[in-house]
Amino acid sequence: MPSVLFRLRLALVVATLVALATPGGVASAAPPQDVSASNYGVGEAFIIMLREGVEGLLVIGALVAFLRRSGNARRQGWVWGGAAVGLSLSIGLALLLQQGFSRAEGALGSELVEGVVGLTAAAMLFYVSYWLHTKSRLGAWQSYIRQRSTAALAGGSMVSLALVAGLAVFREGAETTVFYLGIAPSIAFGDLVVGLGLGLACLAAVGVAVLVVGVRLPLRPFFLASSALIYYLGFKFVGTGLHSLQVAGLLRATPAPVPTSDTLGLYPTWETAIPQLLLVAIALAVVWLSLRHPSGRYTPPASAGT
């Protein structure tokens, strides 16, 4: 069954690549003025694929493990079936979004669409980072899985269990699509392919280790490292997204003593610098609270879930 999930994940990647490479699609649009065509590289493409894929594997692996421990191993096929449906829907979403963005670019301009997509991706990334932070302790993660699995089993409907798995995987696939659409205008197609390939290779290794061998990943280090990577990508998306809106003429560009950095998504304007400074302040506050309450007594408000 893990091989089926991996093949479907690969199909999602292929569909996304086809969508991004389609003439008139997001990836083929000319880069906005003053924005480097290589703002993103292999590293970002690799991080997105590996992070999203591993998170999806963790959800599926946890659901399967819970079923086995509760004496319902025979019902784990519903989990895999739900995951397959979720990935299939993600493939369709990737193609639909490409068509929508292609038409929007023709009507509104590439810079505007790139800015909106970039900021949307940033908002999703920070939401995911917050959700991961609330689940960064093993107890919180196990409670999250147990509540959803128990509710599905208590209802007596295996469709409900499949829905839990399907929605979790669909969410990861949808996020993956939006994130890649966000970086597509500013990454070389070769770098995108290499990053995806490396991410898939590592994801396959993790999948075999977790789902076949039974290796248990250290959840807290994974969630914390994942949150840090998400923060970096979100920080960069905010800068490049706002800069695209400036190029489109929808946002003022007031000079600021800030160095330009394609790696960090920094631009010498106050309109891009102030939101990023706020993000730094928020990150420092979260780190301070985490260090002040290392035993887990501090718990952020419950997220809506995923």
Protein backbone atom coordinates (compact mmCIF):
# COMPACT_ATOMS: atom_id res chain seq x y z
CA MET A 1 0.00 0.00 0.00
CA PRO A 2 2.80 2.54 0.64
CA SER A 3 3.90 2.07 -2.98
CA VAL A 4 0.40 3.03 -4.13
CA LEU A 5 0.55 6.21 -2.07
CA PHE A 6 3.97 7.03 -3.48
CA ARG A 7 2.82 6.48 -7.07
CA LEU A 8 -0.15 8.76 -6.52
CA ARG A 9 2.14 11.38 -4.99
CA LEU A 10 4.35 11.08 -8.04
CA ALA A 11 1.30 11.56 -10.25
CA LEU A 12 0.53 14.78 -8.38
CA VAL A 13 4.07 16.00 -9.01
CA VAL A 14 3.84 15.16 -12.71
CA ALA A 15 0.48 16.93 -12.99
CA THR A 16 1.90 19.99 -11.25
CA LEU A 17 4.95 20.05 -13.51
CA VAL A 18 2.76 19.75 -16.59
CA ALA A 19 0.58 22.57 -15.32
CA LEU A 20 3.54 24.81 -14.56
CA ALA A 21 5.19 24.12 -17.92
CA THR A 22 2.04 24.68 -19.97
CA PRO A 23 2.38 27.70 -22.31
CA GLY A 24 0.45 30.58 -20.83
CA GLY A 25 0.60 29.05 -17.37
CA VAL A 26 2.12 30.61 -14.32
CA ALA A 27 5.61 29.28 -14.85
CA SER A 28 5.84 30.49 -18.45
CA ALA A 29 4.97 34.09 -17.71
CA ALA A 30 7.74 36.62 -18.08
CA PRO A 31 9.23 37.52 -14.70
CA PRO A 32 8.14 40.92 -13.35
CA GLN A 33 10.49 43.82 -13.75
CA ASP A 34 13.24 44.08 -11.12
CA VAL A 35 12.46 40.60 -9.79
CA SER A 36 15.17 38.00 -10.30
CA ALA A 37 14.14 34.96 -12.33
CA SER A 38 16.00 32.81 -9.80
CA ASN A 39 14.59 34.02 -6.49
CA TYR A 40 13.90 30.37 -5.68
CA GLY A 41 16.07 27.33 -6.30
CA VAL A 42 16.50 23.62 -5.70
CA GLY A 43 16.43 24.08 -1.93
CA GLU A 44 12.95 25.61 -1.80
CA ALA A 45 11.50 23.06 -4.22
CA PHE A 46 13.04 20.25 -2.16
CA ILE A 47 11.81 21.64 1.18
CA ILE A 48 8.21 21.96 0.01
CA MET A 49 7.99 18.43 -1.38
CA LEU A 50 9.71 16.77 1.58
CA ARG A 51 7.84 18.73 4.27
CA GLU A 52 4.40 18.31 2.77
CA GLY A 53 5.02 14.66 1.94
CA VAL A 54 6.39 13.73 5.35
CA GLU A 55 3.50 15.46 7.12
CA GLY A 56 1.05 13.47 5.01
CA LEU A 57 2.91 10.24 5.75
CA LEU A 58 2.84 10.99 9.46
CA VAL A 59 -0.93 11.39 9.41
CA ILE A 60 -1.50 8.17 7.46
CA GLY A 61 1.07 6.26 9.50
CA ALA A 62 -0.49 7.42 12.76
CA LEU A 63 -3.98 6.43 11.62
CA VAL A 64 -2.80 2.97 10.55
CA ALA A 65 -0.87 2.47 13.80
CA PHE A 66 -3.91 3.48 15.86
CA LEU A 67 -6.09 0.97 14.01
CA ARG A 68 -3.57 -1.80 14.64
CA ARG A 69 -3.28 -1.01 18.34
CA SER A 70 -7.06 -0.86 18.74
CA GLY A 71 -7.57 -4.25 17.07
CA ASN A 72 -8.95 -2.80 13.84
CA ALA A 73 -6.04 -3.63 11.54
CA ARG A 74 -8.41 -5.15 8.99
CA ARG A 75 -9.93 -1.71 8.46
CA GLN A 76 -6.72 0.07 7.47
CA GLY A 77 -7.61 -0.37 3.80
CA TRP A 78 -10.13 2.41 4.32
CA VAL A 79 -7.29 4.71 5.34
CA TRP A 80 -5.31 3.93 2.20
CA GLY A 81 -8.41 4.29 0.06
CA GLY A 82 -9.15 7.70 1.55
CA ALA A 83 -5.54 8.75 0.99
CA ALA A 84 -5.72 7.68 -2.66
CA VAL A 85 -8.91 9.69 -3.18
CA GLY A 86 -7.34 12.72 -1.50
CA LEU A 87 -4.29 12.58 -3.77
CA SER A 88 -6.46 12.12 -6.86
CA LEU A 89 -8.46 15.22 -5.94
CA SER A 90 -5.18 17.09 -5.44
CA ILE A 91 -4.12 16.25 -8.99
CA GLY A 92 -7.38 17.65 -10.32
CA LEU A 93 -6.98 20.77 -8.19
CA ALA A 94 -3.47 21.35 -9.56
CA LEU A 95 -4.77 21.37 -13.13
CA LEU A 96 -7.76 23.57 -12.27
CA LEU A 97 -5.63 26.11 -10.44
CA GLN A 98 -3.20 26.30 -13.35
CA GLN A 99 -6.02 27.07 -15.73
CA GLY A 100 -7.46 29.65 -13.36
CA PHE A 101 -4.14 31.42 -12.84
CA SER A 102 -3.42 31.35 -16.56
CA ARG A 103 -6.70 33.12 -17.31
CA ALA A 104 -6.22 35.55 -14.43
CA GLU A 105 -2.78 36.52 -15.72
CA GLY A 106 -4.23 37.30 -19.11
CA ALA A 107 -6.91 39.53 -17.59
CA LEU A 108 -5.09 41.09 -14.63
CA GLY A 109 -1.37 40.86 -15.41
CA SER A 110 1.28 38.41 -14.25
CA GLU A 111 2.72 40.64 -11.52
CA LEU A 112 -0.65 41.02 -9.79
CA VAL A 113 -1.37 37.30 -9.92
CA GLU A 114 2.13 36.44 -8.69
CA GLY A 115 1.76 38.83 -5.78
CA VAL A 116 -1.63 37.45 -4.75
CA VAL A 117 -0.48 33.82 -5.09
CA GLY A 118 2.68 34.54 -3.12
CA LEU A 119 0.82 36.20 -0.24
CA THR A 120 -1.80 33.44 -0.23
CA ALA A 121 0.96 30.83 -0.01
CA ALA A 122 2.57 32.79 2.83
CA ALA A 123 -0.70 32.88 4.79
CA MET A 124 -1.12 29.11 4.34
CA LEU A 125 2.47 28.50 5.40
CA PHE A 126 2.12 30.48 8.61
CA TYR A 127 -1.15 28.74 9.43
CA VAL A 128 0.55 25.37 8.95
CA SER A 129 3.49 26.53 11.08
CA TYR A 130 1.11 27.53 13.87
CA TRP A 131 -0.71 24.20 13.63
CA LEU A 132 2.58 22.32 13.80
CA HIS A 133 3.59 24.36 16.83
CA THR A 134 0.43 23.30 18.68
CA LYS A 135 1.18 19.65 17.82
CA SER A 136 4.93 19.79 18.49
CA ARG A 137 4.62 17.78 21.69
CA LEU A 138 4.07 14.05 21.39
CA GLY A 139 1.02 14.10 23.68
CA ALA A 140 -0.74 16.74 21.60
CA TRP A 141 -0.06 14.85 18.36
CA GLN A 142 -1.28 11.51 19.75
CA SER A 143 -4.39 13.20 21.14
CA TYR A 144 -5.08 14.79 17.77
CA ILE A 145 -4.95 11.43 15.95
CA ARG A 146 -6.78 9.52 18.69
CA GLN A 147 -9.70 11.96 18.80
CA ARG A 148 -10.31 11.80 15.06
CA SER A 149 -9.82 8.03 14.79
CA THR A 150 -11.97 7.26 17.81
CA ALA A 151 -14.76 9.49 16.54
CA ALA A 152 -14.71 7.74 13.16
CA LEU A 153 -14.74 4.25 14.71
CA ALA A 154 -17.43 5.18 17.24
CA GLY A 155 -19.71 6.25 14.41
CA GLY A 156 -19.43 2.77 12.96
CA SER A 157 -18.84 4.15 9.47
CA MET A 158 -15.58 3.32 7.77
CA VAL A 159 -16.39 6.07 5.28
CA SER A 160 -15.78 8.52 8.11
CA LEU A 161 -12.32 7.02 8.69
CA ALA A 162 -11.52 7.23 5.00
CA LEU A 163 -12.71 10.85 5.06
CA VAL A 164 -10.26 11.67 7.85
CA ALA A 165 -7.37 10.27 5.80
CA GLY A 166 -8.60 11.74 2.52
CA LEU A 167 -9.04 15.25 3.86
CA ALA A 168 -5.61 15.18 5.53
CA VAL A 169 -3.88 14.07 2.32
CA PHE A 170 -5.94 16.41 0.13
CA ARG A 171 -4.93 19.30 2.35
CA GLU A 172 -1.25 18.43 1.89
CA GLY A 173 -1.69 18.08 -1.87
CA ALA A 174 -3.56 21.37 -2.14
CA GLU A 175 -0.88 23.16 -0.13
CA THR A 176 1.85 21.61 -2.27
CA THR A 177 0.15 22.87 -5.43
CA VAL A 178 -0.30 26.42 -4.14
CA PHE A 179 3.28 26.59 -2.84
CA TYR A 180 4.72 25.45 -6.16
CA LEU A 181 2.53 27.87 -8.06
CA GLY A 182 3.86 30.55 -5.74
CA ILE A 183 7.52 29.85 -6.55
CA ALA A 184 7.04 28.88 -10.21
CA PRO A 185 7.47 32.37 -11.75
CA SER A 186 10.84 32.83 -10.03
CA ILE A 187 12.53 29.44 -10.32
CA ALA A 188 14.34 27.83 -13.24
CA PHE A 189 12.41 24.82 -14.51
CA GLY A 190 15.51 22.64 -14.17
CA ASP A 191 15.90 23.62 -10.50
CA LEU A 192 12.22 22.86 -9.94
CA VAL A 193 12.58 19.38 -11.44
CA VAL A 194 15.77 18.61 -9.45
CA GLY A 195 14.21 19.82 -6.20
CA LEU A 196 11.09 17.75 -6.79
CA GLY A 197 13.18 14.70 -7.64
CA LEU A 198 15.31 14.97 -4.50
CA GLY A 199 12.23 15.56 -2.39
CA LEU A 200 10.50 12.50 -3.82
CA ALA A 201 13.59 10.33 -3.28
CA CYS A 202 13.83 11.34 0.39
CA LEU A 203 10.07 10.99 0.78
CA ALA A 204 10.20 7.44 -0.58
CA ALA A 205 12.94 6.55 1.91
CA VAL A 206 10.97 8.05 4.80
CA GLY A 207 7.82 6.29 3.64
CA VAL A 208 9.50 2.89 3.62
CA ALA A 209 11.08 3.53 7.01
CA VAL A 210 7.84 4.66 8.66
CA LEU A 211 5.19 2.54 6.94
CA VAL A 212 7.11 -0.67 6.17
CA VAL A 213 10.01 -0.95 8.61
CA GLY A 214 8.10 0.71 11.43
CA VAL A 215 10.65 3.37 12.31
CA ARG A 216 9.20 6.02 14.63
CA LEU A 217 10.24 9.53 13.69
CA PRO A 218 11.11 11.92 16.54
CA LEU A 219 7.97 14.04 16.28
CA ARG A 220 9.01 17.06 18.31
CA PRO A 221 12.31 17.68 16.45
CA PHE A 222 10.50 17.09 13.14
CA PHE A 223 7.70 19.53 13.92
CA LEU A 224 10.10 22.17 15.23
CA ALA A 225 12.43 21.86 12.23
CA SER A 226 9.45 21.86 9.89
CA SER A 227 8.08 25.00 11.53
CA ALA A 228 11.43 26.75 11.05
CA LEU A 229 11.55 25.82 7.36
CA ILE A 230 7.95 26.93 6.87
CA TYR A 231 8.72 30.24 8.56
CA TYR A 232 11.65 30.82 6.19
CA LEU A 233 9.53 30.11 3.11
CA GLY A 234 6.65 32.23 4.41
CA PHE A 235 9.00 35.13 5.21
CA LYS A 236 10.32 34.96 1.67
CA PHE A 237 6.86 34.64 0.11
CA VAL A 238 5.75 37.81 1.92
CA GLY A 239 8.68 39.81 0.56
CA THR A 240 8.46 38.60 -3.02
CA GLY A 241 4.65 38.78 -3.04
CA LEU A 242 4.57 42.39 -1.86
CA HIS A 243 7.35 43.29 -4.29
CA SER A 244 5.34 41.84 -7.16
CA LEU A 245 2.43 44.07 -6.15
CA GLN A 246 4.81 47.03 -6.18
CA VAL A 247 5.93 46.14 -9.69
CA ALA A 248 2.26 45.89 -10.68
CA GLY A 249 1.76 49.45 -9.42
CA LEU A 250 -0.69 48.48 -6.68
CA LEU A 251 1.62 49.16 -3.75
CA ARG A 252 3.89 52.10 -3.07
CA ALA A 253 7.64 51.59 -2.93
CA THR A 254 9.18 53.88 -0.31
CA PRO A 255 12.98 53.51 -0.20
CA ALA A 256 14.35 51.96 3.00
CA PRO A 257 17.88 51.15 4.20
CA VAL A 258 17.39 47.43 3.70
CA PRO A 259 19.77 45.26 1.66
CA THR A 260 18.38 43.36 -1.31
CA SER A 261 18.53 39.58 -0.88
CA ASP A 262 16.96 37.07 -3.24
CA THR A 263 17.71 34.31 -0.74
CA LEU A 264 15.63 35.93 2.00
CA GLY A 265 13.16 37.82 -0.17
CA LEU A 266 14.39 41.22 1.08
CA TYR A 267 13.83 44.42 -0.91
CA PRO A 268 14.86 48.02 -0.04
CA THR A 269 11.35 49.38 0.61
CA TRP A 270 9.41 50.03 3.81
CA GLU A 271 6.30 48.39 2.41
CA THR A 272 8.09 45.04 2.19
CA ALA A 273 10.37 45.50 5.20
CA ILE A 274 7.75 46.42 7.84
CA PRO A 275 5.62 43.23 7.42
CA GLN A 276 8.78 41.13 7.53
CA LEU A 277 9.98 42.92 10.67
CA LEU A 278 6.62 42.11 12.26
CA LEU A 279 7.11 38.46 11.33
CA VAL A 280 10.52 38.49 13.00
CA ALA A 281 8.99 40.00 16.14
CA ILE A 282 6.27 37.34 16.20
CA ALA A 283 8.82 34.56 15.74
CA LEU A 284 10.95 35.90 18.59
CA ALA A 285 7.87 36.08 20.82
CA VAL A 286 6.97 32.45 20.04
CA VAL A 287 10.53 31.31 20.78
CA TRP A 288 10.55 33.29 24.04
CA LEU A 289 7.25 31.77 25.17
CA SER A 290 8.47 28.27 24.25
CA LEU A 291 11.67 28.74 26.25
CA ARG A 292 9.76 30.22 29.18
CA HIS A 293 7.36 27.25 29.30
CA PRO A 294 9.55 24.26 28.33
CA SER A 295 7.46 21.79 30.32
CA GLY A 296 4.46 22.30 28.08
CA ARG A 297 2.29 24.27 30.54
CA TYR A 298 1.87 26.98 27.91
CA THR A 299 -0.42 25.89 25.09
CA PRO A 300 -1.41 28.21 22.21
CA PRO A 301 -5.15 28.47 21.43
CA ALA A 302 -6.43 25.36 19.68
CA SER A 303 -6.24 25.53 15.90
CA ALA A 304 -9.19 24.65 13.70
CA GLY A 305 -7.31 21.52 12.75
CA THR A 306 -6.16 20.26 9.42
